C-alpha cells in the first residue's frame, strides 16, 4: 500500500518570491511524502526573476512556477490541504479563505528578498538568505514522523521549525 502524500500550501502576499521558493524546496526535499503549492493573497502575476535564477542555479526546475491567488485553493475542486504555512508577516495577519478539512497551519516568516533595493549582488544575497532559511525549515519538516505526531504536538513542532534559521547569517 502506498504511503499517503500530504498537500502543503505556502502563502505570501505577492506569491512571487518566498512562497515560490518554499513550494520548489518542499517538492524537492519532500518528494514522495509531500506535494507543495504556493499562492498569494494579492499575487503579482509574475515570479520574481531572482527567484527563478536562484532555483535554476541550484538545479530546481521552474517550469511550473507561477504567481497565483490563494482563491484557487479555497474552491471545492481544489486539492485538500493538510498543511498551510504563511511565509510573510502580511499574509499571516490577513483574513484567509476557509480551508476545507481544517489543515494544520503555522507561520514561518522570512524577510522579503523582493523588497531589497540595491545592487544585483545585494538582491542575490537577500534571495540566497531567504532560500537557506526556507530550506533549513523544510528539511526539518520533511523529516518529522507525521504519522506518529498528535495534533498539538505537531503544531508545536511546526511553530519551532518556523523559528529555525531566523538567526542565520545573511
Foldseek 3Di string as FASTA:
>chain_A
DQDDEAEEEEEEAALAALRLLLQQLLCVLQPSHYHYDYEHQHHPFYHDPLRVVVCVVVPGDCPPRTYHHCVQQQDPPHDQHQEYEYAAPVVVPDDDHDHPPPHQYEYQYADDLVPDDDDPVSSNVSRVLSSVLSNQLSNQVSPDPVVPDDRVRVSVVNHVSSCPSPPPDD
